[in-house]
Structure formats: C-alpha cells, structure tokens
Amino acid sequence: MKEMTYKDAVKLAMVEEMRKDENVFLMGEDVGLYGGAFGVSVGMLEEFGEERVRDTPISEAAIAGAAAGAAVTGMRPIAEIMFMDFTTIAMDSLVNQAAKMRYMFGGKAKVPMVLRAPGGSGTGAAAQHSQSLEAWFCHVPGLKVVVPGTAADAKGLLKAAIRDDNPVVFVEQKTLYKVKGSVPIDDEFIIPLGKGEIKKEGEDVTIISYGRMLPRVLKVAEELEEEGISVEVLDPRTLVPLDKELIINSVKKTGRAILVNEACKTGGYLGEIASVISESEAFDYLDAPIIRLAGLDVPIPYNPELESAVVPSEKQIRDAVFKVLNR
C-alpha cells in the first residue's frame, strides 16, 4: 500500500496498463506537453512519447470518434474529455457508434475504449464546467459507467475499465483529485466492474452514495456513530453494471435507505437505485420511505456560497438520518 492522491492513482493505473500493453494509449486536449487540465498525465509524455500520449485538436467529437475507431481496430485508447460537460459534443460518436458497434456486428467487434470525464461541482468552474451527467450515459445500452469515490477505487476500477472490451465512461470528480488514500501498488490490483462495496458497516440505516458525496457521507456516518446511530455506507462504484444484490441485502438488513449524490434530482441516477429497492424483496423490509438527497435542479452557480448550497450538505444528510429513524 502507498499513500497517494486520487489524481496520482488515476495516473498510476494508466501508466501500469501502458507499460503492460503497447496497444493502450492516452489521447485528449493538452494531455501531453501540458500534462492535462488537472495535471493527471504530467510526466507521461516523457515516458511514452508522442505516439502514445497524443495531444488532440480542441474537438471532443474528434476525440471520441478517433477513440472508437482505434478501439474497433484493435487498440485500447484512453480518451480524456477535459470537462464532462463537453461530452455533449461527443455524443454521436459515443452513443450512436461506440455503444452500438458490438451489437450491430453480432458480437464480432470489440470496442475497448475508456472515456475519462472529469465532472461535478466544487471547483468554482460555473455552469458549463461543473455538471454531473452520469445518468445520461447510464441510459445508453452498450456503455458501462464508473464513478470511483476513493483513490484505491480509482486505480482498481480504471485498470479494469482499460482491460474491458466494451466502451466505459469513467467519471472522475474534480474535487477528489487532491484527496489522499491508501492505494495498492500491485500492478495486478483490479476491482471488477459491477462490484460495489460497503465502506462502513452499520445496522440502523443504509446510505448509498458515490463520487464527491461519498467522503461527506462517511464523515457524517462516523459522527453519528459517536451518538449511538449505526449507519451503513454503501458505494456502488459502478453504476452500469450495478451491484443490485449488495444494495438489496444492505437495505434488508437496516430497513431504511437514504440515497445521496450531487447530480440534479430530476431524472438522476438515484431514481434508478430507488427503483431497484422498491421493485425487490427489500421493499417489504423498509420501515420508512426512501429519501433521495440530490443536487437542486438549477445550473451550477459560480458564486462559491451558492455553488455549495445547490448540493447536499452534511446537515441535510444528518437530518435525513434522523427523519428515517423518526427522531
């Protein structure tokens, strides 16, 4: 194990896989000489050269299209979109091409590409650079969607995504880049896609969260533990495929469920998780209605105080716990 930032864990995953497989390469705007908009790929150009760390034109459509084409012809591209918001420009290549090719070729084609998409609020980047759009991609058959919330998960899941033969949208929450954690340095440390994790065991209520909200939920859970309230924290890690069994078993154990993320509530992925609980045998175990804590249905403000106000706070998480416990 080694202590490192989330950002360095992402880089380590890419470096290890590029050393192992010459078909793996990184492409995107400013990923080479500049080292990426958030410094994730600093130093990779020097090790792997311009052929495998490729600076691209400012065209997300070209990045996604080239990645899909490279993937279907045998390469394993890692394509970085500078801000997740800009996937809007790449939607045709990603949704109509990459996600559909394996099906349309009867399973004979593989599309092993990863689209890295730094997303979310908390950096003062305003409305066009701060969105959490993961639910869009979860609605597209053929895409896998991953949202790691810790440094170790970022490494293990990215390595799994690079080795997967299907297109994977890999969402990196920007505020987590500087967060440190213990990361296995074994170059075969892999976290299978579709496997969630219980981050903290508990008995009274299950809180399901991912990405930026996960550390916030864990902090509240630890504080409530000192007050005699036992909170179980579940991180799905992969949204598609989703570890439904883990969710159902946790809710059956605690009888209460709170769902937390920062994306807009309307049409958000928390609704999907709620339906998994409601449509399963876990519904009969519920002692209180499911609570969804999500971002407000507004563009992300530039003002720091307003930006903070549009996503769930620690107080709101605490209040939700007290509400489902009827306290």
Protein backbone atom coordinates (compact mmCIF):
# COMPACT_ATOMS: atom_id res chain seq x y z
CA MET A 1 0.00 0.00 0.00
CA LYS A 2 1.08 3.56 -0.66
CA GLU A 3 -0.49 6.85 0.33
CA MET A 4 -1.31 8.94 -2.76
CA THR A 5 -3.87 11.32 -4.17
CA TYR A 6 -6.85 10.26 -6.24
CA LYS A 7 -5.22 12.05 -9.18
CA ASP A 8 -1.99 10.09 -8.84
CA ALA A 9 -3.95 6.85 -8.51
CA VAL A 10 -5.62 7.53 -11.87
CA LYS A 11 -2.23 8.24 -13.41
CA LEU A 12 -0.69 5.11 -11.88
CA ALA A 13 -3.44 2.95 -13.39
CA MET A 14 -2.79 4.38 -16.85
CA VAL A 15 1.00 4.07 -16.54
CA GLU A 16 0.83 0.46 -15.37
CA GLU A 17 -1.51 -0.56 -18.18
CA MET A 18 0.53 1.28 -20.83
CA ARG A 19 3.69 -0.46 -19.64
CA LYS A 20 1.92 -3.80 -19.80
CA ASP A 21 0.16 -3.42 -23.16
CA GLU A 22 1.55 -1.42 -26.06
CA ASN A 23 -1.95 -1.10 -27.54
CA VAL A 24 -3.00 1.16 -24.66
CA PHE A 25 -2.54 4.88 -25.32
CA LEU A 26 -3.80 8.21 -23.96
CA MET A 27 -5.33 10.96 -26.08
CA GLY A 28 -7.01 14.28 -25.39
CA GLU A 29 -6.64 18.04 -25.25
CA ASP A 30 -3.36 19.07 -23.59
CA VAL A 31 -2.72 15.61 -22.09
CA GLY A 32 0.85 15.54 -23.38
CA LEU A 33 3.07 18.59 -23.07
CA TYR A 34 0.81 20.31 -20.52
CA GLY A 35 0.02 17.14 -18.57
CA GLY A 36 -3.75 17.52 -18.72
CA ALA A 37 -6.06 20.26 -17.48
CA PHE A 38 -5.86 18.88 -13.94
CA GLY A 39 -2.28 17.58 -14.13
CA VAL A 40 -3.26 13.92 -14.18
CA SER A 41 -0.90 12.94 -17.02
CA VAL A 42 2.14 15.01 -16.02
CA GLY A 43 5.32 13.12 -16.98
CA MET A 44 3.63 10.51 -19.15
CA LEU A 45 4.74 12.13 -22.40
CA GLU A 46 8.37 11.82 -21.33
CA GLU A 47 7.99 8.08 -20.65
CA PHE A 48 5.78 7.00 -23.54
CA GLY A 49 6.38 9.59 -26.26
CA GLU A 50 4.05 11.43 -28.60
CA GLU A 51 2.76 8.27 -30.29
CA ARG A 52 1.15 7.03 -27.07
CA VAL A 53 0.38 10.28 -25.28
CA ARG A 54 -1.34 12.20 -28.03
CA ASP A 55 -2.38 15.84 -27.85
CA THR A 56 -5.51 16.32 -29.94
CA PRO A 57 -7.28 19.27 -31.53
CA ILE A 58 -9.94 21.04 -29.47
CA SER A 59 -12.70 18.79 -30.76
CA GLU A 60 -14.44 16.38 -28.42
CA ALA A 61 -16.27 14.88 -31.38
CA ALA A 62 -12.91 14.06 -32.98
CA ILE A 63 -11.53 12.66 -29.72
CA ALA A 64 -14.45 10.30 -29.16
CA GLY A 65 -14.67 9.34 -32.83
CA ALA A 66 -10.96 8.60 -33.12
CA ALA A 67 -11.07 6.60 -29.88
CA ALA A 68 -13.97 4.49 -31.13
CA GLY A 69 -12.24 3.88 -34.44
CA ALA A 70 -8.96 2.97 -32.79
CA ALA A 71 -10.72 0.64 -30.38
CA VAL A 72 -12.64 -1.29 -33.01
CA THR A 73 -9.40 -1.84 -34.95
CA GLY A 74 -7.51 -3.36 -32.02
CA MET A 75 -6.14 -0.52 -29.92
CA ARG A 76 -7.16 0.32 -26.34
CA PRO A 77 -7.49 4.11 -26.22
CA ILE A 78 -7.98 6.17 -23.07
CA ALA A 79 -9.65 9.37 -24.22
CA GLU A 80 -9.74 12.32 -21.85
CA ILE A 81 -12.53 14.87 -22.17
CA MET A 82 -11.30 17.98 -20.36
CA PHE A 83 -14.66 18.61 -18.63
CA MET A 84 -17.55 16.16 -18.52
CA ASP A 85 -19.82 18.95 -19.78
CA PHE A 86 -18.05 18.71 -23.15
CA THR A 87 -19.20 15.13 -23.70
CA THR A 88 -22.24 16.85 -25.21
CA ILE A 89 -20.12 17.47 -28.31
CA ALA A 90 -19.00 13.82 -28.39
CA MET A 91 -22.43 12.22 -28.03
CA ASP A 92 -22.85 10.89 -31.58
CA SER A 93 -19.54 9.03 -31.63
CA LEU A 94 -20.04 7.72 -28.12
CA VAL A 95 -23.78 6.93 -28.07
CA ASN A 96 -24.53 6.06 -31.70
CA GLN A 97 -21.21 4.50 -32.65
CA ALA A 98 -19.09 3.16 -29.78
CA ALA A 99 -22.05 1.92 -27.73
CA LYS A 100 -23.73 0.21 -30.70
CA MET A 101 -20.92 -1.37 -32.73
CA ARG A 102 -20.53 -4.59 -30.77
CA TYR A 103 -24.27 -5.27 -31.06
CA MET A 104 -24.54 -4.26 -34.71
CA PHE A 105 -21.64 -6.55 -35.69
CA GLY A 106 -23.21 -9.51 -33.90
CA GLY A 107 -20.62 -9.55 -31.14
CA LYS A 108 -17.70 -9.94 -33.56
CA ALA A 109 -16.43 -6.41 -32.95
CA LYS A 110 -14.93 -5.19 -29.69
CA VAL A 111 -14.78 -1.56 -28.61
CA PRO A 112 -12.26 -1.43 -25.73
CA MET A 113 -12.14 2.31 -25.10
CA VAL A 114 -12.28 4.39 -21.93
CA LEU A 115 -13.67 7.91 -21.94
CA ARG A 116 -12.31 9.72 -18.88
CA ALA A 117 -14.66 12.56 -17.92
CA PRO A 118 -13.75 14.89 -15.01
CA GLY A 119 -17.11 16.10 -13.71
CA GLY A 120 -19.02 17.64 -10.87
CA SER A 121 -19.10 20.89 -8.92
CA GLY A 122 -16.98 22.34 -6.13
CA THR A 123 -14.19 23.99 -8.10
CA GLY A 124 -15.80 27.34 -8.95
CA ALA A 125 -15.90 26.47 -12.64
CA ALA A 126 -19.52 27.63 -13.09
CA ALA A 127 -22.48 26.28 -15.04
CA GLN A 128 -20.77 24.99 -18.20
CA HIS A 129 -17.90 23.19 -16.46
CA SER A 130 -19.46 21.65 -13.33
CA GLN A 131 -22.23 19.26 -14.31
CA SER A 132 -22.73 15.67 -13.16
CA LEU A 133 -24.09 13.94 -16.25
CA GLU A 134 -23.55 10.27 -15.41
CA ALA A 135 -27.28 9.46 -15.61
CA TRP A 136 -27.29 10.31 -19.33
CA PHE A 137 -24.79 7.57 -20.10
CA CYS A 138 -26.45 5.03 -17.81
CA HIS A 139 -29.45 5.27 -20.15
CA VAL A 140 -27.43 4.06 -23.16
CA PRO A 141 -27.26 0.27 -23.68
CA GLY A 142 -23.72 -0.72 -24.59
CA LEU A 143 -21.93 1.73 -22.28
CA LYS A 144 -20.52 0.95 -18.86
CA VAL A 145 -20.39 3.80 -16.34
CA VAL A 146 -17.95 4.01 -13.43
CA VAL A 147 -17.75 6.67 -10.69
CA PRO A 148 -14.94 5.94 -8.18
CA GLY A 149 -15.02 7.80 -4.87
CA THR A 150 -11.62 6.87 -3.40
CA ALA A 151 -8.04 6.78 -4.64
CA ALA A 152 -7.83 2.98 -4.38
CA ASP A 153 -11.08 2.55 -6.28
CA ALA A 154 -9.91 4.99 -8.94
CA LYS A 155 -6.86 2.84 -9.63
CA GLY A 156 -8.51 -0.57 -9.47
CA LEU A 157 -11.57 0.40 -11.49
CA LEU A 158 -9.64 2.28 -14.18
CA LYS A 159 -7.39 -0.73 -14.76
CA ALA A 160 -10.49 -2.91 -15.10
CA ALA A 161 -12.04 -0.39 -17.48
CA ILE A 162 -8.94 -0.30 -19.69
CA ARG A 163 -8.95 -4.10 -19.92
CA ASP A 164 -12.68 -4.30 -20.65
CA ASP A 165 -13.74 -4.98 -24.24
CA ASN A 166 -16.63 -2.51 -24.09
CA PRO A 167 -16.72 1.31 -24.03
CA VAL A 168 -16.54 2.66 -20.47
CA VAL A 169 -17.39 6.19 -19.32
CA PHE A 170 -15.09 6.78 -16.36
CA VAL A 171 -16.26 9.74 -14.26
CA GLU A 172 -13.64 11.46 -12.09
CA GLN A 173 -15.00 14.01 -9.62
CA LYS A 174 -12.68 17.00 -9.80
CA THR A 175 -12.69 17.88 -6.10
CA LEU A 176 -11.47 14.36 -5.29
CA TYR A 177 -8.24 14.76 -7.28
CA LYS A 178 -6.39 16.12 -4.22
CA VAL A 179 -7.89 13.67 -1.71
CA LYS A 180 -5.39 11.09 -0.45
CA GLY A 181 -5.86 7.44 0.37
CA SER A 182 -4.03 4.14 0.67
CA VAL A 183 -3.62 2.53 -2.74
CA PRO A 184 -2.30 -0.98 -3.52
CA ILE A 185 0.83 -0.67 -5.64
CA ASP A 186 0.44 -4.20 -7.02
CA ASP A 187 0.13 -3.78 -10.80
CA GLU A 188 -2.48 -6.55 -10.85
CA PHE A 189 -4.78 -4.78 -8.39
CA ILE A 190 -8.10 -4.86 -10.24
CA ILE A 191 -11.60 -4.06 -9.00
CA PRO A 192 -14.15 -5.85 -11.21
CA LEU A 193 -16.73 -3.60 -12.82
CA GLY A 194 -20.15 -4.18 -11.31
CA LYS A 195 -18.95 -4.81 -7.75
CA GLY A 196 -19.96 -2.27 -5.13
CA GLU A 197 -18.50 -2.06 -1.63
CA ILE A 198 -19.71 -1.46 1.88
CA LYS A 199 -17.45 1.37 3.02
CA LYS A 200 -18.76 1.25 6.58
CA GLU A 201 -20.84 -1.45 8.27
CA GLY A 202 -23.99 -0.40 10.11
CA GLU A 203 -27.34 -1.60 11.42
CA ASP A 204 -29.79 1.32 11.62
CA VAL A 205 -29.85 2.88 8.14
CA THR A 206 -28.20 2.39 4.75
CA ILE A 207 -26.81 5.43 2.95
CA ILE A 208 -25.96 4.79 -0.70
CA SER A 209 -23.64 7.33 -2.26
CA TYR A 210 -20.81 7.69 -4.76
CA GLY A 211 -18.29 10.20 -6.09
CA ARG A 212 -17.91 13.55 -4.35
CA MET A 213 -20.65 12.92 -1.79
CA LEU A 214 -19.07 9.69 -0.52
CA PRO A 215 -16.47 11.33 1.79
CA ARG A 216 -19.19 13.67 3.09
CA VAL A 217 -21.49 10.76 3.88
CA LEU A 218 -18.68 8.82 5.59
CA LYS A 219 -17.86 11.81 7.78
CA VAL A 220 -21.49 12.13 8.89
CA ALA A 221 -21.71 8.39 9.48
CA GLU A 222 -18.66 8.43 11.76
CA GLU A 223 -20.05 11.39 13.72
CA LEU A 224 -23.43 9.68 14.15
CA GLU A 225 -21.68 6.54 15.36
CA GLU A 226 -20.49 8.54 18.38
CA GLU A 227 -24.12 9.46 19.02
CA GLY A 228 -25.21 5.83 19.04
CA ILE A 229 -26.58 5.70 15.49
CA SER A 230 -25.17 2.91 13.31
CA VAL A 231 -25.00 3.94 9.64
CA GLU A 232 -24.08 1.57 6.82
CA VAL A 233 -22.42 3.35 3.88
CA LEU A 234 -22.62 1.63 0.51
CA ASP A 235 -20.69 2.78 -2.54
CA PRO A 236 -21.90 1.19 -5.81
CA ARG A 237 -18.71 2.42 -7.57
CA THR A 238 -20.02 1.13 -10.90
CA LEU A 239 -23.41 2.47 -11.96
CA VAL A 240 -23.62 0.25 -15.04
CA PRO A 241 -23.50 -2.62 -14.35
CA LEU A 242 -24.99 -2.00 -10.90
CA ASP A 243 -24.40 -4.31 -7.92
CA LYS A 244 -28.10 -4.73 -7.15
CA GLU A 245 -27.61 -7.66 -4.79
CA LEU A 246 -25.37 -5.65 -2.49
CA ILE A 247 -27.92 -2.83 -2.33
CA ILE A 248 -30.87 -5.14 -1.68
CA ASN A 249 -29.10 -7.07 1.06
CA SER A 250 -27.98 -3.90 2.84
CA VAL A 251 -31.47 -2.38 2.82
CA LYS A 252 -32.98 -5.67 4.02
CA LYS A 253 -30.55 -5.55 6.94
CA THR A 254 -31.17 -1.95 8.03
CA GLY A 255 -34.74 -1.39 6.87
CA ARG A 256 -34.02 2.21 5.83
CA ALA A 257 -32.41 3.80 2.77
CA ILE A 258 -31.05 7.26 2.04
CA LEU A 259 -29.58 7.95 -1.41
CA VAL A 260 -27.11 10.81 -1.87
CA ASN A 261 -25.40 12.31 -4.92
CA GLU A 262 -24.66 15.78 -6.31
CA ALA A 263 -26.37 15.49 -9.70
CA CYS A 264 -29.73 17.17 -10.32
CA LYS A 265 -32.55 15.24 -8.69
CA THR A 266 -34.97 15.16 -11.62
CA GLY A 267 -34.08 12.27 -13.92
CA GLY A 268 -30.99 11.49 -11.81
CA TYR A 269 -29.47 8.08 -11.15
CA LEU A 270 -30.77 7.97 -7.58
CA GLY A 271 -34.19 7.25 -9.05
CA GLU A 272 -32.78 4.08 -10.60
CA ILE A 273 -31.35 2.94 -7.29
CA ALA A 274 -34.65 3.69 -5.57
CA SER A 275 -36.48 1.56 -8.14
CA VAL A 276 -34.09 -1.35 -7.52
CA ILE A 277 -35.04 -1.23 -3.84
CA SER A 278 -38.77 -0.70 -4.47
CA GLU A 279 -39.08 -3.46 -7.06
CA SER A 280 -37.24 -6.08 -4.99
CA GLU A 281 -37.90 -8.02 -1.82
CA ALA A 282 -36.09 -5.23 0.05
CA PHE A 283 -39.30 -3.17 -0.21
CA ASP A 284 -41.02 -5.40 2.36
CA TYR A 285 -38.22 -4.67 4.84
CA LEU A 286 -38.49 -0.87 4.64
CA ASP A 287 -39.51 0.82 7.88
CA ALA A 288 -39.53 4.31 6.32
CA PRO A 289 -39.83 5.84 2.84
CA ILE A 290 -36.69 6.06 0.73
CA ILE A 291 -35.10 9.53 0.84
CA ARG A 292 -33.24 10.97 -2.17
CA LEU A 293 -30.77 13.78 -1.43
CA ALA A 294 -29.53 15.25 -4.69
CA GLY A 295 -28.49 18.50 -6.29
CA LEU A 296 -31.05 21.21 -6.95
CA ASP A 297 -32.49 21.41 -10.45
CA VAL A 298 -30.51 24.53 -11.31
CA PRO A 299 -27.34 25.32 -13.27
CA ILE A 300 -24.26 25.26 -11.03
CA PRO A 301 -23.59 28.84 -9.80
CA TYR A 302 -20.19 30.49 -10.00
CA ASN A 303 -20.51 32.14 -6.57
CA PRO A 304 -18.85 29.77 -4.04
CA GLU A 305 -21.60 30.04 -1.42
CA LEU A 306 -24.33 29.45 -3.96
CA GLU A 307 -22.36 26.60 -5.53
CA SER A 308 -22.12 24.93 -2.13
CA ALA A 309 -25.83 25.45 -1.49
CA VAL A 310 -27.03 23.50 -4.54
CA VAL A 311 -25.61 20.13 -3.45
CA PRO A 312 -26.45 18.08 -0.32
CA SER A 313 -24.76 19.32 2.85
CA GLU A 314 -23.63 17.37 5.90
CA LYS A 315 -26.54 18.87 7.84
CA GLN A 316 -29.04 17.66 5.24
CA ILE A 317 -27.58 14.16 5.43
CA ARG A 318 -27.82 14.18 9.23
CA ASP A 319 -31.39 15.47 9.12
CA ALA A 320 -32.34 12.72 6.66
CA VAL A 321 -30.97 10.07 9.02
CA PHE A 322 -32.98 11.48 11.92
CA LYS A 323 -36.07 11.62 9.72
CA VAL A 324 -35.98 7.95 8.66
CA LEU A 325 -35.29 6.97 12.26
CA ASN A 326 -38.26 9.11 13.35
CA ARG A 327 -36.16 11.07 15.84
